[in-house]
């Protein structure tokens, strides 16, 4: 028999967490092994208790109400503390843990962060592992996708769900082949940027990156001749051609010599790219994730500052 706390059966706390994390009655029921009618009854009891719908219809899917979103971290932490009190949760000890963390991120973030991140993890937790995967195109659609990973490392301004903190900042620069006919004394003008064909990355959605937005605002019309998946192939596509590309500076500096391109100070001023670490709200107090976020923070602090090239 379940003990009531605050007039609510404690079993409902487990159900509430599943509903909030899955954002779906059907998925929450499957996770808990409960039938659709049982889940509907439980949701009704929770709605009466909170005097709030908690989940509302959005087409064929559900979405959380503002109250439901605010409840999720508290519910997750309450269950974690209860589990720990009854001996069901093991403490996270970095030096002894063999946990494998899942991080979804761009090839750019891998290129910039992976060396200092792995080095710091090796120093503090030599048995801990990483599973890295590209950011799914539908990551913005629902917090359910975010819950499949421990962290997402991605740019601010793309409507990713969850909680986040800024990891590091970069800026955009231009790259061209050294023999590009529009390159004069190491410089390109806005007119050059508009006249040259472009190589550009694709991420499976139509949202413009900060540099593309600014060029549009400046009235620079870009003709994209080559589009590739992700940031990393872009310099190699530009090499040996008359293409120009606008990419993050840290990536440009890292691969310019290998790809055979030159990095050019942009004629459009400083356009910042802000990369952040995102996580599901239910994981905010998770000791293992808190440790990982701290290691990531320290690794990002090691990155060389970006500065004008000349």
Protein backbone atom coordinates (compact mmCIF):
# COMPACT_ATOMS: atom_id res chain seq x y z
CA UNK A 1 0.00 0.00 0.00
CA UNK A 2 1.40 3.36 -1.02
CA UNK A 3 1.90 6.06 1.58
CA UNK A 4 0.07 9.31 0.88
CA UNK A 5 2.16 12.49 1.17
CA UNK A 6 0.43 15.82 0.92
CA UNK A 7 -2.74 13.92 0.12
CA UNK A 8 -1.19 12.29 -2.96
CA UNK A 9 -0.26 8.63 -3.49
CA UNK A 10 3.54 8.48 -3.90
CA UNK A 11 3.10 6.15 -6.86
CA UNK A 12 1.68 9.14 -8.69
CA UNK A 13 5.07 10.84 -8.42
CA UNK A 14 6.62 8.15 -10.62
CA UNK A 15 3.72 8.48 -13.06
CA UNK A 16 4.04 12.26 -13.07
CA UNK A 17 7.74 12.07 -13.92
CA UNK A 18 7.08 9.70 -16.81
CA UNK A 19 4.31 11.94 -18.18
CA UNK A 20 6.46 15.07 -17.93
CA UNK A 21 9.54 13.48 -19.45
CA UNK A 22 7.77 11.64 -22.24
CA UNK A 23 5.28 14.45 -22.94
CA UNK A 24 2.89 11.69 -23.98
CA UNK A 25 0.31 9.54 -22.21
CA UNK A 26 1.02 6.62 -24.55
CA UNK A 27 4.82 6.75 -24.23
CA UNK A 28 4.64 7.22 -20.47
CA UNK A 29 2.33 4.22 -20.16
CA UNK A 30 4.67 2.06 -22.25
CA UNK A 31 7.60 3.12 -20.10
CA UNK A 32 5.80 2.18 -16.88
CA UNK A 33 4.03 -0.90 -18.25
CA UNK A 34 0.59 0.63 -17.63
CA UNK A 35 -2.45 0.61 -19.91
CA UNK A 36 -3.84 3.72 -21.59
CA UNK A 37 -6.94 3.79 -19.31
CA UNK A 38 -4.74 3.53 -16.19
CA UNK A 39 -2.54 6.38 -17.40
CA UNK A 40 -5.58 8.51 -18.22
CA UNK A 41 -6.99 7.96 -14.73
CA UNK A 42 -3.64 8.88 -13.15
CA UNK A 43 -3.37 12.00 -15.31
CA UNK A 44 -6.87 13.02 -14.24
CA UNK A 45 -5.92 12.70 -10.56
CA UNK A 46 -2.78 14.77 -11.12
CA UNK A 47 -4.72 17.44 -12.99
CA UNK A 48 -7.19 17.73 -10.13
CA UNK A 49 -4.39 17.93 -7.58
CA UNK A 50 -2.48 20.69 -9.42
CA UNK A 51 -5.58 22.37 -10.84
CA UNK A 52 -3.74 22.45 -14.17
CA UNK A 53 -3.96 20.47 -17.42
CA UNK A 54 -0.20 19.56 -17.25
CA UNK A 55 -0.34 18.11 -20.79
CA UNK A 56 -2.33 19.78 -23.55
CA UNK A 57 -3.01 18.66 -27.10
CA UNK A 58 -0.85 20.13 -29.87
CA UNK A 59 -2.13 18.52 -33.06
CA UNK A 60 -1.48 14.79 -32.71
CA UNK A 61 1.04 15.33 -29.91
CA UNK A 62 1.00 16.74 -26.39
CA UNK A 63 2.96 19.65 -24.97
CA UNK A 64 3.64 20.59 -21.35
CA UNK A 65 1.96 23.54 -19.69
CA UNK A 66 4.21 26.16 -18.04
CA UNK A 67 3.41 24.66 -14.63
CA UNK A 68 4.32 21.17 -15.84
CA UNK A 69 7.69 22.42 -17.14
CA UNK A 70 8.43 24.08 -13.81
CA UNK A 71 7.54 20.86 -11.94
CA UNK A 72 9.84 18.56 -13.89
CA UNK A 73 13.19 19.36 -12.18
CA UNK A 74 11.58 19.21 -8.73
CA UNK A 75 9.86 15.89 -9.42
CA UNK A 76 13.06 14.35 -10.82
CA UNK A 77 15.13 15.53 -7.84
CA UNK A 78 12.50 14.31 -5.34
CA UNK A 79 12.58 10.82 -6.83
CA UNK A 80 16.39 10.83 -6.91
CA UNK A 81 16.52 11.74 -3.21
CA UNK A 82 13.94 9.10 -2.36
CA UNK A 83 15.90 6.50 -4.29
CA UNK A 84 19.09 7.49 -2.48
CA UNK A 85 17.34 7.40 0.92
CA UNK A 86 16.26 3.81 0.33
CA UNK A 87 19.64 2.74 -1.04
CA UNK A 88 18.52 2.39 -4.63
CA UNK A 89 20.92 4.91 -6.14
CA UNK A 90 24.69 4.57 -6.27
CA UNK A 91 26.77 7.69 -5.62
CA UNK A 92 28.68 8.97 -8.63
CA UNK A 93 32.43 8.76 -7.94
CA UNK A 94 34.33 10.02 -11.02
CA UNK A 95 37.50 8.07 -10.31
CA UNK A 96 35.61 4.76 -10.04
CA UNK A 97 32.71 5.24 -12.44
CA UNK A 98 32.52 3.37 -15.75
CA UNK A 99 29.54 5.39 -16.97
CA UNK A 100 29.33 6.18 -20.69
CA UNK A 101 27.93 9.64 -21.34
CA UNK A 102 25.99 10.39 -24.52
CA UNK A 103 26.67 13.79 -26.10
CA UNK A 104 25.06 15.02 -29.30
CA UNK A 105 26.97 17.82 -31.04
CA UNK A 106 28.15 19.17 -34.38
CA UNK A 107 31.37 18.14 -36.13
CA UNK A 108 32.56 21.70 -35.40
CA UNK A 109 32.11 21.24 -31.64
CA UNK A 110 33.90 17.88 -31.81
CA UNK A 111 36.84 19.48 -33.62
CA UNK A 112 37.10 22.35 -31.14
CA UNK A 113 36.35 20.64 -27.83
CA UNK A 114 37.22 16.96 -27.98
CA UNK A 115 40.94 17.17 -27.12
CA UNK A 116 40.68 19.24 -23.90
CA UNK A 117 37.46 17.46 -22.89
CA UNK A 118 38.93 13.95 -23.22
CA UNK A 119 42.14 14.98 -21.50
CA UNK A 120 40.33 16.36 -18.48
CA UNK A 121 38.04 13.34 -18.31
CA UNK A 122 41.07 11.03 -18.45
CA UNK A 123 42.68 12.92 -15.57
CA UNK A 124 39.60 12.79 -13.32
CA UNK A 125 37.73 9.68 -14.45
CA UNK A 126 39.89 7.33 -16.54
CA UNK A 127 37.14 4.67 -16.83
CA UNK A 128 34.38 7.03 -17.97
CA UNK A 129 33.50 6.91 -21.68
CA UNK A 130 31.84 9.12 -24.28
CA UNK A 131 29.39 8.30 -27.05
CA UNK A 132 29.29 11.16 -29.55
CA UNK A 133 26.57 11.57 -32.19
CA UNK A 134 25.43 14.34 -34.58
CA UNK A 135 22.55 16.58 -33.56
CA UNK A 136 19.26 15.18 -34.96
CA UNK A 137 17.43 17.50 -37.33
CA UNK A 138 14.27 17.29 -35.18
CA UNK A 139 15.98 18.05 -31.86
CA UNK A 140 14.05 21.34 -31.54
CA UNK A 141 10.68 19.61 -31.74
CA UNK A 142 10.47 18.05 -28.29
CA UNK A 143 12.24 17.56 -24.99
CA UNK A 144 11.81 13.80 -25.46
CA UNK A 145 14.64 13.80 -27.99
CA UNK A 146 16.90 15.69 -25.60
CA UNK A 147 16.31 13.08 -22.89
CA UNK A 148 18.00 10.48 -25.11
CA UNK A 149 21.34 12.18 -24.42
CA UNK A 150 23.17 13.48 -21.38
CA UNK A 151 24.17 16.71 -23.13
CA UNK A 152 23.60 18.56 -26.35
CA UNK A 153 26.30 21.04 -27.39
CA UNK A 154 24.85 23.45 -29.92
CA UNK A 155 24.43 27.10 -30.87
CA UNK A 156 22.19 29.52 -29.02
CA UNK A 157 19.29 30.81 -31.09
CA UNK A 158 18.11 27.51 -32.59
CA UNK A 159 15.25 26.87 -30.11
CA UNK A 160 16.72 23.76 -28.51
CA UNK A 161 14.61 22.55 -25.56
CA UNK A 162 15.80 22.14 -21.98
CA UNK A 163 18.12 24.01 -19.62
CA UNK A 164 21.40 25.41 -20.87
CA UNK A 165 24.57 27.29 -20.04
CA UNK A 166 27.03 28.99 -22.40
CA UNK A 167 30.06 26.80 -23.12
CA UNK A 168 32.23 29.01 -25.35
CA UNK A 169 32.10 31.75 -27.97
CA UNK A 170 33.52 31.99 -31.47
CA UNK A 171 33.21 34.35 -34.42
CA UNK A 172 32.80 33.91 -38.16
CA UNK A 173 35.61 34.39 -40.70
CA UNK A 174 35.96 33.82 -44.44
CA UNK A 175 37.98 31.13 -46.15
CA UNK A 176 39.08 30.92 -49.79
CA UNK A 177 41.68 29.14 -51.88
CA UNK A 178 44.98 31.11 -51.91
CA UNK A 179 44.64 31.54 -55.69
CA UNK A 180 41.12 32.97 -55.56
CA UNK A 181 41.04 35.86 -58.07
CA UNK A 182 39.02 38.07 -55.71
CA UNK A 183 41.60 37.86 -52.94
CA UNK A 184 43.71 41.06 -52.90
CA UNK A 185 46.48 41.50 -50.33
CA UNK A 186 44.71 39.01 -48.09
CA UNK A 187 41.40 40.87 -48.11
CA UNK A 188 37.88 40.37 -49.44
CA UNK A 189 35.21 43.07 -49.70
CA UNK A 190 31.46 42.71 -49.22
CA UNK A 191 31.21 43.02 -53.00
CA UNK A 192 33.57 40.07 -53.33
CA UNK A 193 31.48 38.02 -50.90
CA UNK A 194 28.41 38.71 -53.01
CA UNK A 195 30.12 38.02 -56.33
CA UNK A 196 31.81 34.74 -55.43
CA UNK A 197 29.95 31.42 -55.34
CA UNK A 198 29.61 29.99 -51.83
CA UNK A 199 30.15 26.69 -50.10
CA UNK A 200 27.81 26.28 -47.14
CA UNK A 201 26.92 23.71 -44.47
CA UNK A 202 23.54 22.02 -44.14
CA UNK A 203 22.03 20.78 -40.87
CA UNK A 204 18.69 19.40 -41.97
CA UNK A 205 16.68 22.53 -41.17
CA UNK A 206 16.10 25.93 -42.75
CA UNK A 207 17.21 28.13 -39.84
CA UNK A 208 19.92 30.61 -40.86
CA UNK A 209 23.13 30.76 -38.85
CA UNK A 210 24.15 34.19 -37.42
CA UNK A 211 26.51 35.00 -40.32
CA UNK A 212 23.86 34.19 -42.93
CA UNK A 213 21.34 36.41 -41.11
CA UNK A 214 23.76 39.37 -41.02
CA UNK A 215 24.69 39.00 -44.71
CA UNK A 216 20.99 38.99 -45.58
CA UNK A 217 20.51 42.16 -43.51
CA UNK A 218 23.43 43.78 -45.33
CA UNK A 219 21.81 42.94 -48.66
CA UNK A 220 24.60 40.57 -49.71
CA UNK A 221 23.06 37.99 -52.01
CA UNK A 222 24.80 34.63 -51.71
CA UNK A 223 24.79 32.05 -54.48
CA UNK A 224 25.41 28.70 -52.81
CA UNK A 225 27.08 26.46 -55.37
CA UNK A 226 28.08 23.64 -53.01
CA UNK A 227 26.19 22.56 -49.90
CA UNK A 228 27.55 19.85 -47.62
CA UNK A 229 26.43 18.20 -44.38
CA UNK A 230 28.09 19.85 -41.38
CA UNK A 231 30.91 22.35 -40.97
CA UNK A 232 34.01 20.17 -41.25
CA UNK A 233 33.89 19.35 -45.00
CA UNK A 234 33.45 23.00 -46.02
CA UNK A 235 37.17 24.00 -46.14
CA UNK A 236 37.98 20.91 -48.21
CA UNK A 237 35.25 21.81 -50.69
CA UNK A 238 36.60 25.38 -50.98
CA UNK A 239 40.21 24.28 -51.62
CA UNK A 240 41.24 24.51 -55.29
CA UNK A 241 38.08 26.37 -56.33
CA UNK A 242 36.84 29.96 -56.60
CA UNK A 243 34.34 29.34 -53.79
CA UNK A 244 34.16 31.35 -50.58
CA UNK A 245 32.77 30.14 -47.26
CA UNK A 246 31.95 31.79 -43.95
CA UNK A 247 32.75 29.46 -41.04
CA UNK A 248 33.64 29.63 -37.32
CA UNK A 249 37.18 30.90 -36.73
CA UNK A 250 38.38 28.10 -34.45
CA UNK A 251 37.47 25.49 -37.05
CA UNK A 252 39.04 27.58 -39.83
CA UNK A 253 42.33 27.91 -37.97
CA UNK A 254 42.37 24.24 -37.03
CA UNK A 255 42.07 22.87 -40.58
CA UNK A 256 43.22 25.69 -42.90
CA UNK A 257 46.73 24.32 -43.52
CA UNK A 258 45.51 20.75 -43.94
CA UNK A 259 42.74 21.74 -46.35
CA UNK A 260 44.90 24.21 -48.27
CA UNK A 261 42.79 27.35 -47.74
CA UNK A 262 43.53 30.78 -46.28
CA UNK A 263 41.61 32.46 -43.49
CA UNK A 264 40.48 35.99 -44.29
CA UNK A 265 39.34 38.71 -41.90
CA UNK A 266 35.61 39.20 -42.64
CA UNK A 267 34.47 42.48 -44.23
CA UNK A 268 31.21 42.34 -42.25
CA UNK A 269 32.67 42.91 -38.78
CA UNK A 270 32.36 40.64 -35.77
CA UNK A 271 29.53 38.12 -35.89
CA UNK A 272 29.49 35.95 -32.78
CA UNK A 273 28.65 32.26 -32.54
CA UNK A 274 27.65 31.21 -29.03
CA UNK A 275 27.82 27.49 -28.25
CA UNK A 276 25.95 26.20 -25.20
CA UNK A 277 25.51 22.93 -23.33
CA UNK A 278 21.86 21.83 -23.10
CA UNK A 279 20.30 19.13 -20.90
CA UNK A 280 16.88 17.81 -20.02
CA UNK A 281 15.36 19.66 -17.02
CA UNK A 282 14.88 16.37 -15.17
CA UNK A 283 18.68 15.99 -15.06
CA UNK A 284 19.51 19.37 -13.55
CA UNK A 285 20.48 17.94 -10.14
CA UNK A 286 21.98 14.67 -11.40
CA UNK A 287 25.45 14.39 -9.75
CA UNK A 288 26.99 12.61 -12.76
CA UNK A 289 25.72 15.21 -15.20
CA UNK A 290 26.75 18.03 -12.87
CA UNK A 291 30.28 16.61 -12.93
CA UNK A 292 30.26 16.31 -16.74
CA UNK A 293 29.07 19.89 -17.12
CA UNK A 294 31.91 21.04 -14.87
CA UNK A 295 34.49 19.14 -16.91
CA UNK A 296 33.07 20.63 -20.10
CA UNK A 297 33.20 24.10 -18.54
CA UNK A 298 36.88 23.64 -17.66
CA UNK A 299 37.70 22.26 -21.12
CA UNK A 300 36.01 25.22 -22.83
CA UNK A 301 37.97 27.63 -20.61
CA UNK A 302 41.18 26.23 -22.12
CA UNK A 303 40.27 27.26 -25.67
CA UNK A 304 42.41 29.97 -27.19
CA UNK A 305 40.58 33.30 -27.44
CA UNK A 306 39.40 34.39 -30.86
CA UNK A 307 40.89 37.64 -32.11
CA UNK A 308 41.18 39.66 -35.33
CA UNK A 309 43.63 38.06 -37.72
CA UNK A 310 45.33 41.36 -38.57
